[in-house]
Amino acid sequence: KILCLLLRSFEYSQKNAILVPVAALGVGGMLVCWMRSRHKIKTIEMGDGWWGSGERPLHGKEDESIRPFKIETSDQEIEDLHRRLDNARYTPPLEGAAFHYGFNANYLRKVVAYWRNQFDWRKQVEILNQYPHFRTTIEGIDIHFIHVKPSYVPHGRAVKPLLMVHGWPGSFYEFYKIIPLLTEPARHGLNEGDVVFEVICPSIPGYGFSEAPHKKGFDTIAAARIFHKLMNRLGFKQYYLQGGDWGSDITKNMALMLPQSVKGLHLNLIFISQQGLGGIISVMLGAYVPWLVGLTKEDARRVYPYMQKNVYDLVRESGYLHIQGTKPDTAGCGLNDSPVGLAAYILEKFSTWTDKSFPHKDDGGLESKYTLDELLTNVMIYWVTSSIVSSMRFYKENLTKDPFLSADARNEVRVPTGIAAFPQEIVHIPRVWAKRLFKNIITYTYMPRGGHFAAFEEPKLLAQDIMNFVRKVEQL
C-alpha cells in the first residue's frame, strides 16, 4: 500500500521523483530488519540490583572474595530444638483420613519422637560439610554455595561446569546423592561416556545459608542475574544449567538472559500454560486423537483425564501457593516458631509431590523413598537458618505480576535444552507443548519412575539423563 501511494505521487509530480527510490529503499531496509529480527535471539535485559540492608554505597567496590564456609551447630541450638519438640501440641486426625487432610498427626508424633530421641544433628552437620562450602557477596547479600570438583579426571576428558538450582521446600542438600554420580561417574557405574562435571549448587537467596533479600521485588530474574554473576566470579565463561521447581524458572531465565554463556539447559520440570485457541484445541483433540496434535500415547496417558490431572489435582496441591503468593509472613511466623509445624508443612510436600498415591497412606509414603535422617536434615536447614519466611516470600515476589506479561514469558529459549519428564511430577508437559517455548530441544525423556524431587529421589536416573543430554550437546 505504501509503495502504491508513492508511485501515484510520482505520476502527479516529477518534483517528488526522488521520493520513490528513497521510500523503496526505506521499506526494503525495514523488511530486511524485520527478517533479521525474526532470527535474532531475544534476551532478558540483565540489569543490576541491590538487595542489601539500607542504601547502596555510593563509593567502593563490592567485596568479590570467595570465602570458605562451614556449617556449625551448638549445644544451645540443639537444646532449644528439643525443648520445643517436647512441648509440641497435636490435634488428633480424623479416622481414616491418612494424608488427605494434610500431614497425619499420628504419624507426625512418630516423626517428632525420632527427631527428638534418635536424629543426630551433629552427625548430619558433618555429612553436610563433606563437600566444600563457600559464601560470596553479590548485590549486597551473601550467597552460599557448594562447589565440588572431581577428584580424578581421566586423560583427555574435559570437565564441564554444571550449576544445579533447587526449589521450595528443598535446598542444596537435595543434590548430595547426585553429586558423586556427576563428579566421579566411573566409580558409580556411569563410565560409558566421556562426561565429567564439576558441580556448583547455590542456595537461592532467602533459602538456607544464603542471606535473604532486604528489599521487595527479588524474583527469578534477579536470582538468575546473581547466579550468572556467581559463575562469572568463579571464572566460568560457559556452563551447563540444571533445575526443577523454582530452579527450573531461574535457570530458564539464565538461558534467556545470557544465552551465549549457557551451553545447555536441563530441566526436570517446565511451566507452560495452554493459552490461546491453539492450546485449547490441542487439549480437546488430544483426548480423542492425540496423534493429530503431536501427542504420544505416553503423553495421553499422563495428561488425561485432563480436568482431573491438570485442574482438580493442581487445586488440591496448590493451597500453599496462594498463601505464600499473598501473605507469606503471616503463615510463616508460626512455622518459624514451631519446629513441629515446620516439619509438617515441609514434609507433607515430600509425600504428595513424590507420588500421587501417597496421600492414601497413613504415613504418607514418606519412608518408602527417603530416610527420616534425609528428610529431617532438609527441615533442619530451614530451622537453624530461620529461612522459612524468606523462602515463602519468593512466591509473592514472583506471583504478584502478570506471568503472561513478564519479560521471560514473551521470549523463546533457544539454547540446547534437555527435558526429563518424571511420571509422578505435579504436571506433565508433552514435548509438542514444550516446543512452544523451548525451540531447541535436544533430548526429551519419559523417565520410568520418580516425582518432583528428582535428584533427591532418583539420583542415578537423573544423572544418566543429564549425561546423555550433555554428550549430545557436545557433539553438535
Protein backbone atom coordinates (compact mmCIF):
# COMPACT_ATOMS: atom_id res chain seq x y z
CA LYS A 1 0.00 0.00 0.00
CA ILE A 2 2.79 2.43 0.88
CA LEU A 3 4.54 1.74 -2.42
CA CYS A 4 1.31 2.33 -4.39
CA LEU A 5 0.82 5.75 -2.79
CA LEU A 6 4.41 6.69 -3.53
CA LEU A 7 4.04 5.69 -7.18
CA ARG A 8 0.92 7.85 -7.53
CA SER A 9 2.73 10.85 -6.17
CA PHE A 10 5.45 10.18 -8.73
CA GLU A 11 2.85 10.36 -11.58
CA TYR A 12 1.42 13.65 -10.38
CA SER A 13 4.67 15.48 -9.72
CA GLN A 14 8.13 14.91 -11.11
CA LYS A 15 9.46 17.14 -8.34
CA ASN A 16 8.82 14.25 -5.96
CA ALA A 17 10.52 11.66 -8.17
CA ILE A 18 13.33 11.34 -5.68
CA LEU A 19 10.85 10.05 -3.06
CA VAL A 20 10.24 6.79 -4.87
CA PRO A 21 13.73 5.25 -4.67
CA VAL A 22 14.26 6.70 -1.19
CA ALA A 23 10.99 5.28 0.10
CA ALA A 24 11.58 1.95 -1.63
CA LEU A 25 15.00 1.85 -0.03
CA GLY A 26 13.45 2.60 3.35
CA VAL A 27 10.76 -0.05 3.02
CA GLY A 28 13.30 -2.56 1.80
CA GLY A 29 15.51 -1.77 4.76
CA MET A 30 12.59 -2.26 7.13
CA LEU A 31 11.84 -5.62 5.55
CA VAL A 32 15.46 -6.72 5.92
CA CYS A 33 15.49 -5.63 9.57
CA TRP A 34 12.22 -7.48 10.20
CA MET A 35 13.56 -10.64 8.61
CA ARG A 36 16.73 -10.41 10.71
CA SER A 37 14.78 -9.78 13.90
CA ARG A 38 12.85 -12.98 13.32
CA HIS A 39 16.08 -14.95 13.65
CA LYS A 40 17.69 -12.81 16.33
CA ILE A 41 17.62 -14.37 19.80
CA LYS A 42 15.63 -12.13 22.13
CA THR A 43 17.11 -11.88 25.59
CA ILE A 44 16.12 -10.61 29.03
CA GLU A 45 17.90 -7.42 29.99
CA MET A 46 20.44 -8.37 32.65
CA GLY A 47 20.26 -5.11 34.56
CA ASP A 48 21.55 -4.80 38.11
CA GLY A 49 20.25 -4.85 41.65
CA TRP A 50 20.89 -4.15 45.31
CA TRP A 51 19.33 -6.37 47.96
CA GLY A 52 21.42 -5.42 50.97
CA SER A 53 20.19 -3.54 54.02
CA GLY A 54 19.87 0.22 53.59
CA GLU A 55 21.00 2.25 50.60
CA ARG A 56 23.58 1.01 48.14
CA PRO A 57 27.00 2.51 48.99
CA LEU A 58 27.88 5.29 46.57
CA HIS A 59 31.59 4.59 46.71
CA GLY A 60 33.70 1.49 47.00
CA LYS A 61 33.59 -1.80 45.15
CA GLU A 62 31.72 -4.81 46.47
CA ASP A 63 33.85 -7.48 48.15
CA GLU A 64 34.11 -10.15 45.45
CA SER A 65 36.15 -12.61 47.50
CA ILE A 66 35.12 -16.27 47.69
CA ARG A 67 35.15 -17.20 51.37
CA PRO A 68 35.22 -20.78 52.72
CA PHE A 69 32.17 -21.51 54.84
CA LYS A 70 31.41 -24.25 57.34
CA ILE A 71 28.06 -25.22 58.83
CA GLU A 72 28.21 -25.28 62.61
CA THR A 73 25.88 -26.07 65.49
CA SER A 74 25.89 -25.67 69.25
CA ASP A 75 24.52 -27.20 72.44
CA GLN A 76 22.19 -24.22 72.82
CA GLU A 77 20.74 -24.71 69.35
CA ILE A 78 20.03 -28.40 69.94
CA GLU A 79 18.67 -27.82 73.48
CA ASP A 80 16.27 -25.17 72.20
CA LEU A 81 15.05 -27.53 69.49
CA HIS A 82 14.50 -30.36 71.98
CA ARG A 83 12.60 -28.08 74.35
CA ARG A 84 10.25 -27.03 71.55
CA LEU A 85 9.76 -30.62 70.40
CA ASP A 86 8.95 -31.70 73.97
CA ASN A 87 6.27 -29.01 74.25
CA ALA A 88 4.51 -29.72 70.95
CA ARG A 89 0.71 -29.91 70.84
CA TYR A 90 -1.15 -32.21 68.43
CA THR A 91 -4.67 -32.42 67.07
CA PRO A 92 -5.89 -35.99 66.60
CA PRO A 93 -6.55 -36.80 62.92
CA LEU A 94 -9.95 -37.84 61.59
CA GLU A 95 -10.47 -41.57 61.37
CA GLY A 96 -9.26 -42.95 58.06
CA ALA A 97 -8.01 -39.53 56.90
CA ALA A 98 -4.48 -40.71 56.05
CA PHE A 99 -2.78 -37.68 54.36
CA HIS A 100 -5.92 -36.35 52.63
CA TYR A 101 -6.28 -33.53 55.17
CA GLY A 102 -2.57 -32.81 55.28
CA PHE A 103 0.11 -34.33 57.48
CA ASN A 104 -1.41 -37.06 59.64
CA ALA A 105 -0.85 -36.18 63.31
CA ASN A 106 -0.43 -39.81 64.43
CA TYR A 107 2.48 -40.26 62.06
CA LEU A 108 3.76 -36.79 62.95
CA ARG A 109 4.14 -37.94 66.57
CA LYS A 110 6.38 -40.78 65.34
CA VAL A 111 8.48 -38.41 63.23
CA VAL A 112 8.89 -36.00 66.15
CA ALA A 113 9.81 -38.84 68.53
CA TYR A 114 12.54 -39.93 66.12
CA TRP A 115 13.67 -36.31 65.71
CA ARG A 116 13.86 -35.80 69.46
CA ASN A 117 15.44 -39.10 70.50
CA GLN A 118 17.36 -40.59 67.58
CA PHE A 119 18.14 -37.92 64.98
CA ASP A 120 21.74 -36.74 65.36
CA TRP A 121 22.08 -33.18 64.04
CA ARG A 122 25.82 -33.07 64.78
CA LYS A 123 26.34 -36.14 62.60
CA GLN A 124 24.24 -34.59 59.82
CA VAL A 125 26.29 -31.38 60.03
CA GLU A 126 29.38 -33.48 59.38
CA ILE A 127 27.65 -35.01 56.35
CA LEU A 128 26.67 -31.54 55.10
CA ASN A 129 30.27 -30.39 55.48
CA GLN A 130 31.67 -33.29 53.42
CA TYR A 131 31.53 -31.00 50.37
CA PRO A 132 33.31 -27.63 50.20
CA HIS A 133 31.02 -24.74 51.14
CA PHE A 134 31.60 -21.09 50.25
CA ARG A 135 29.98 -17.68 50.51
CA THR A 136 30.43 -14.57 48.43
CA THR A 137 28.70 -11.20 48.42
CA ILE A 138 26.66 -10.33 45.33
CA GLU A 139 24.38 -7.28 45.05
CA GLY A 140 24.65 -6.65 48.78
CA ILE A 141 23.79 -10.11 50.14
CA ASP A 142 25.86 -13.19 50.99
CA ILE A 143 25.33 -16.08 48.58
CA HIS A 144 26.02 -19.60 49.83
CA PHE A 145 27.05 -22.42 47.51
CA ILE A 146 28.85 -25.73 47.40
CA HIS A 147 31.43 -26.35 44.70
CA VAL A 148 32.53 -29.94 44.13
CA LYS A 149 35.29 -30.83 41.68
CA PRO A 150 36.14 -34.36 40.52
CA SER A 151 38.98 -35.94 42.48
CA TYR A 152 40.27 -37.62 39.32
CA VAL A 153 39.84 -36.69 35.66
CA PRO A 154 40.81 -39.35 33.09
CA HIS A 155 43.24 -38.24 30.44
CA GLY A 156 41.58 -36.49 27.53
CA ARG A 157 38.35 -35.69 29.33
CA ALA A 158 37.23 -32.11 29.80
CA VAL A 159 35.41 -31.18 32.99
CA LYS A 160 32.05 -29.49 32.37
CA PRO A 161 30.84 -26.90 34.89
CA LEU A 162 27.25 -27.59 35.93
CA LEU A 163 25.12 -25.23 38.03
CA MET A 164 22.25 -27.04 39.78
CA VAL A 165 19.47 -24.97 41.37
CA HIS A 166 16.94 -26.31 43.91
CA GLY A 167 13.38 -25.20 44.62
CA TRP A 168 10.90 -24.98 47.51
CA PRO A 169 10.70 -26.64 50.01
CA GLY A 170 14.04 -28.16 49.09
CA SER A 171 17.61 -26.99 49.48
CA PHE A 172 21.13 -27.54 48.19
CA TYR A 173 21.05 -30.79 50.19
CA GLU A 174 18.73 -32.32 47.56
CA PHE A 175 21.80 -32.77 45.33
CA TYR A 176 24.02 -34.63 47.79
CA LYS A 177 23.25 -38.04 46.31
CA ILE A 178 23.65 -36.98 42.67
CA ILE A 179 26.89 -35.01 43.10
CA PRO A 180 29.21 -38.07 43.31
CA LEU A 181 27.49 -39.60 40.28
CA LEU A 182 28.28 -36.49 38.24
CA THR A 183 31.77 -35.75 39.54
CA GLU A 184 33.01 -39.37 39.70
CA PRO A 185 30.79 -41.32 37.28
CA ALA A 186 33.25 -44.19 36.78
CA ARG A 187 33.08 -45.10 40.47
CA HIS A 188 29.30 -45.44 40.26
CA GLY A 189 28.92 -47.49 37.11
CA LEU A 190 28.35 -44.49 34.86
CA ASN A 191 31.60 -44.73 32.93
CA GLU A 192 30.22 -45.47 29.47
CA GLY A 193 30.62 -41.86 28.36
CA ASP A 194 33.24 -39.16 28.40
CA VAL A 195 31.36 -36.61 30.50
CA VAL A 196 32.66 -35.48 33.90
CA PHE A 197 31.31 -32.48 35.82
CA GLU A 198 32.29 -30.05 38.49
CA VAL A 199 29.08 -29.15 40.28
CA ILE A 200 28.05 -25.81 41.77
CA CYS A 201 24.92 -25.84 43.96
CA PRO A 202 23.92 -22.42 45.32
CA SER A 203 21.21 -21.68 47.86
CA ILE A 204 18.60 -19.33 46.43
CA PRO A 205 18.78 -16.01 48.34
CA GLY A 206 16.43 -16.32 51.30
CA TYR A 207 16.89 -20.09 51.46
CA GLY A 208 19.20 -21.90 53.88
CA PHE A 209 22.59 -20.29 54.26
CA SER A 210 22.14 -17.62 51.57
CA GLU A 211 21.21 -14.25 53.04
CA ALA A 212 17.64 -13.13 52.45
CA PRO A 213 17.00 -10.02 50.33
CA HIS A 214 16.25 -6.95 52.42
CA LYS A 215 14.21 -5.27 49.69
CA LYS A 216 10.95 -6.11 47.93
CA GLY A 217 10.94 -7.44 44.39
CA PHE A 218 13.51 -10.25 44.45
CA ASP A 219 12.23 -12.63 41.75
CA THR A 220 13.57 -15.40 39.50
CA ILE A 221 15.08 -12.85 37.10
CA ALA A 222 17.08 -11.29 39.95
CA ALA A 223 18.15 -14.77 41.08
CA ALA A 224 19.20 -15.61 37.50
CA ARG A 225 21.36 -12.49 37.32
CA ILE A 226 23.00 -13.24 40.69
CA PHE A 227 23.82 -16.82 39.66
CA HIS A 228 25.34 -15.62 36.38
CA LYS A 229 27.50 -13.25 38.42
CA LEU A 230 28.43 -16.15 40.70
CA MET A 231 29.54 -18.34 37.78
CA ASN A 232 31.49 -15.46 36.28
CA ARG A 233 33.16 -14.82 39.64
CA LEU A 234 34.19 -18.47 39.73
CA GLY A 235 35.91 -17.97 36.38
CA PHE A 236 33.44 -19.74 34.07
CA LYS A 237 32.61 -18.29 30.67
CA GLN A 238 30.30 -21.10 29.55
CA TYR A 239 28.43 -23.65 31.64
CA TYR A 240 25.53 -26.07 31.82
CA LEU A 241 22.43 -25.45 33.93
CA GLN A 242 20.04 -27.85 35.65
CA GLY A 243 16.89 -27.19 37.64
CA GLY A 244 13.45 -28.22 38.80
CA ASP A 245 10.73 -26.30 40.65
CA TRP A 246 11.99 -22.70 41.18
CA GLY A 247 15.34 -23.90 39.89
CA SER A 248 13.67 -24.56 36.54
CA ASP A 249 12.39 -20.99 36.26
CA ILE A 250 15.68 -19.48 37.46
CA THR A 251 17.84 -21.48 35.05
CA LYS A 252 15.40 -20.85 32.19
CA ASN A 253 15.78 -17.12 32.84
CA MET A 254 19.55 -17.53 32.93
CA ALA A 255 19.32 -19.04 29.44
CA LEU A 256 17.18 -16.11 28.29
CA MET A 257 19.46 -13.56 29.91
CA LEU A 258 22.89 -14.67 28.65
CA PRO A 259 22.36 -17.43 26.06
CA GLN A 260 25.98 -17.11 24.94
CA SER A 261 27.09 -18.28 28.40
CA VAL A 262 24.74 -21.27 28.60
CA LYS A 263 25.99 -24.35 26.74
CA GLY A 264 22.90 -26.32 27.67
CA LEU A 265 19.82 -26.22 29.90
CA HIS A 266 18.50 -29.41 31.53
CA LEU A 267 15.15 -29.32 33.35
CA ASN A 268 13.06 -31.85 35.25
CA LEU A 269 10.02 -29.56 35.43
CA ILE A 270 8.77 -26.94 32.99
CA PHE A 271 5.97 -24.43 33.30
CA ILE A 272 3.86 -23.87 30.17
CA SER A 273 0.27 -22.63 30.14
CA GLN A 274 -2.18 -23.84 27.49
CA GLN A 275 -3.15 -20.32 26.47
CA GLY A 276 -4.88 -19.32 23.25
CA LEU A 277 -7.06 -21.12 20.74
CA GLY A 278 -4.24 -23.43 19.64
CA GLY A 279 -3.70 -24.63 23.20
CA ILE A 280 -7.40 -25.26 23.77
CA ILE A 281 -7.71 -27.20 20.51
CA SER A 282 -4.65 -29.27 21.35
CA VAL A 283 -6.11 -30.22 24.74
CA MET A 284 -9.54 -31.06 23.31
CA LEU A 285 -8.37 -33.10 20.32
CA GLY A 286 -5.62 -34.78 22.31
CA ALA A 287 -8.19 -36.65 24.37
CA TYR A 288 -9.54 -38.40 21.25
CA VAL A 289 -6.90 -38.23 18.51
CA PRO A 290 -3.62 -37.46 20.34
CA TRP A 291 -1.50 -38.25 17.25
CA LEU A 292 -3.28 -35.47 15.34
CA VAL A 293 -1.93 -32.80 17.71
CA GLY A 294 1.51 -34.35 18.21
CA LEU A 295 0.87 -36.20 21.48
CA THR A 296 2.30 -39.67 22.05
CA LYS A 297 0.43 -42.48 23.78
CA GLU A 298 2.52 -41.84 26.89
CA ASP A 299 1.62 -38.13 26.78
CA ALA A 300 -2.07 -39.02 26.59
CA ARG A 301 -1.74 -41.44 29.49
CA ARG A 302 -0.08 -38.79 31.67
CA VAL A 303 -2.25 -35.81 30.67
CA TYR A 304 -5.78 -37.28 30.58
CA PRO A 305 -8.36 -37.16 32.03
CA TYR A 306 -7.35 -33.51 31.70
CA MET A 307 -9.63 -31.92 34.30
CA GLN A 308 -8.67 -34.48 36.92
CA LYS A 309 -4.91 -34.29 36.40
CA ASN A 310 -4.49 -30.63 35.43
CA VAL A 311 -7.22 -28.85 37.37
CA TYR A 312 -8.55 -30.84 40.35
CA ASP A 313 -5.17 -32.32 41.33
CA LEU A 314 -3.50 -28.92 41.00
CA VAL A 315 -6.15 -27.19 43.09
CA ARG A 316 -5.69 -29.83 45.79
CA GLU A 317 -1.92 -29.34 45.82
CA SER A 318 -1.69 -25.56 45.44
CA GLY A 319 -3.27 -24.11 48.58
CA TYR A 320 0.18 -23.32 49.96
CA LEU A 321 0.95 -21.40 46.75
CA HIS A 322 -1.94 -18.99 47.26
CA ILE A 323 -0.95 -18.34 50.87
CA GLN A 324 2.74 -17.81 50.03
CA GLY A 325 1.91 -15.75 46.96
CA THR A 326 -0.20 -13.30 49.00
CA LYS A 327 0.57 -13.22 52.76
CA PRO A 328 3.73 -15.30 53.37
CA ASP A 329 4.76 -13.51 56.57
CA THR A 330 1.51 -14.33 58.40
CA ALA A 331 1.70 -18.11 57.94
CA GLY A 332 5.48 -18.07 58.09
CA CYS A 333 5.76 -16.63 61.59
CA GLY A 334 4.09 -19.72 63.08
CA LEU A 335 6.31 -22.09 61.11
CA ASN A 336 9.43 -20.17 62.11
CA ASP A 337 8.46 -20.53 65.78
CA SER A 338 7.46 -24.20 65.80
CA PRO A 339 9.77 -26.95 64.52
CA VAL A 340 6.88 -29.42 64.55
CA GLY A 341 4.72 -27.13 62.45
CA LEU A 342 7.65 -26.52 60.10
CA ALA A 343 8.27 -30.24 59.67
CA ALA A 344 4.60 -30.97 58.96
CA TYR A 345 4.38 -28.14 56.43
CA ILE A 346 7.56 -29.13 54.55
CA LEU A 347 7.38 -32.93 54.76
CA GLU A 348 3.79 -33.06 53.52
CA LYS A 349 5.17 -31.88 50.15
CA PHE A 350 7.75 -34.66 50.13
CA SER A 351 4.82 -37.06 50.42
CA THR A 352 2.28 -35.79 47.90
CA TRP A 353 4.80 -34.49 45.34
CA THR A 354 6.81 -37.71 45.32
CA ASP A 355 3.88 -39.97 44.41
CA LYS A 356 0.27 -39.01 43.76
CA SER A 357 -0.95 -42.17 45.52
CA PHE A 358 0.85 -41.41 48.80
CA PRO A 359 -2.00 -39.35 50.38
CA HIS A 360 -3.88 -42.67 50.70
CA LYS A 361 -1.22 -43.96 53.13
CA ASP A 362 -1.29 -43.29 56.88
CA ASP A 363 2.42 -42.41 56.82
CA GLY A 364 2.22 -40.51 53.54
CA GLY A 365 4.65 -42.99 52.00
CA LEU A 366 7.49 -40.77 53.20
CA GLU A 367 9.90 -43.50 54.23
CA SER A 368 9.40 -45.54 51.07
CA LYS A 369 11.64 -43.16 49.10
CA TYR A 370 13.61 -41.27 51.77
CA THR A 371 15.04 -41.86 55.22
CA LEU A 372 13.91 -39.77 58.16
CA ASP A 373 17.50 -38.57 58.55
CA GLU A 374 17.43 -37.20 54.99
CA LEU A 375 14.02 -35.57 55.40
CA LEU A 376 14.79 -34.02 58.77
CA THR A 377 18.16 -32.72 57.57
CA ASN A 378 16.34 -30.70 54.92
CA VAL A 379 13.89 -29.42 57.56
CA MET A 380 16.79 -28.52 59.85
CA ILE A 381 18.39 -26.37 57.16
CA TYR A 382 15.25 -24.22 57.24
CA TRP A 383 15.03 -24.34 61.03
CA VAL A 384 18.58 -23.36 62.02
CA THR A 385 18.70 -20.54 59.44
CA SER A 386 15.18 -19.21 60.20
CA SER A 387 14.65 -19.08 56.45
CA ILE A 388 11.12 -20.41 56.03
CA VAL A 389 9.54 -16.93 55.84
CA SER A 390 12.04 -15.55 53.34
CA SER A 391 11.73 -18.71 51.24
CA MET A 392 7.94 -18.30 51.18
CA ARG A 393 8.25 -14.64 50.15
CA PHE A 394 9.82 -15.79 46.88
CA TYR A 395 6.30 -16.82 45.81
CA LYS A 396 4.85 -13.38 46.42
CA GLU A 397 7.68 -11.68 44.54
CA ASN A 398 7.11 -13.91 41.51
CA LEU A 399 3.33 -14.33 41.53
CA THR A 400 2.14 -10.78 42.09
CA LYS A 401 2.95 -9.87 38.48
CA ASP A 402 1.01 -10.98 35.41
CA PRO A 403 3.03 -14.04 34.30
CA PHE A 404 1.97 -13.61 30.67
CA LEU A 405 3.26 -10.04 30.50
CA SER A 406 6.65 -10.68 32.10
CA ALA A 407 9.81 -10.44 30.02
CA ASP A 408 10.65 -14.12 30.38
CA ALA A 409 7.18 -15.24 29.25
CA ARG A 410 7.43 -13.32 25.96
CA ASN A 411 10.79 -14.76 24.90
CA GLU A 412 11.73 -18.14 23.48
CA VAL A 413 14.53 -20.29 24.83
CA ARG A 414 16.92 -21.18 22.01
CA VAL A 415 19.85 -22.71 23.88
CA PRO A 416 20.11 -26.53 23.67
CA THR A 417 17.55 -27.94 26.10
CA GLY A 418 17.05 -31.33 27.72
CA ILE A 419 13.81 -32.28 29.49
CA ALA A 420 13.39 -35.20 31.89
CA ALA A 421 9.66 -35.88 32.33
CA PHE A 422 9.13 -37.82 35.57
CA PRO A 423 5.80 -39.67 35.74
CA GLN A 424 4.82 -38.54 39.25
CA GLU A 425 5.60 -34.86 38.61
CA ILE A 426 2.81 -32.44 39.54
CA VAL A 427 2.09 -31.71 35.86
CA HIS A 428 3.17 -33.34 32.61
CA ILE A 429 4.17 -31.15 29.66
CA PRO A 430 4.41 -33.09 26.37
CA ARG A 431 7.29 -32.31 24.04
CA VAL A 432 4.97 -30.75 21.46
CA TRP A 433 3.74 -28.24 24.07
CA ALA A 434 7.25 -27.61 25.40
CA LYS A 435 8.42 -26.69 21.88
CA ARG A 436 6.31 -23.52 22.02
CA LEU A 437 8.81 -22.07 24.48
CA PHE A 438 11.91 -24.25 24.13
CA LYS A 439 12.91 -24.08 20.47
CA ASN A 440 16.00 -26.29 20.63
CA ILE A 441 15.05 -29.47 22.50
CA ILE A 442 17.93 -31.93 22.16
CA THR A 443 16.60 -34.66 24.46
CA TYR A 444 13.14 -35.33 25.89
CA THR A 445 12.96 -38.38 28.14
CA TYR A 446 9.93 -40.14 29.60
CA MET A 447 11.50 -41.16 32.91
CA PRO A 448 10.39 -44.61 34.13
CA ARG A 449 9.72 -43.58 37.73
CA GLY A 450 10.10 -40.67 40.11
CA GLY A 451 8.40 -37.43 41.04
CA HIS A 452 9.05 -33.80 41.87
CA PHE A 453 12.26 -34.14 43.92
CA ALA A 454 14.14 -35.94 41.15
CA ALA A 455 17.75 -35.54 42.34
CA PHE A 456 16.77 -36.47 45.90
CA GLU A 457 14.61 -39.45 44.95
CA GLU A 458 16.11 -40.87 41.73
CA PRO A 459 19.68 -39.50 41.54
CA LYS A 460 21.01 -42.18 39.19
CA LEU A 461 18.18 -41.80 36.67
CA LEU A 462 18.60 -38.03 36.63
CA ALA A 463 22.40 -38.23 36.39
CA GLN A 464 22.17 -40.58 33.41
CA ASP A 465 19.76 -38.23 31.64
CA ILE A 466 21.94 -35.18 32.29
CA MET A 467 24.99 -37.02 30.93
CA ASN A 468 23.14 -38.20 27.85
CA PHE A 469 21.95 -34.66 27.16
CA VAL A 470 25.39 -33.07 27.62
CA ARG A 471 27.01 -35.76 25.47
CA LYS A 472 24.65 -34.91 22.60
CA VAL A 473 25.19 -31.16 23.02
CA GLU A 474 28.95 -31.64 22.90
CA GLN A 475 28.56 -33.49 19.60
CA LEU A 476 26.65 -30.64 17.94
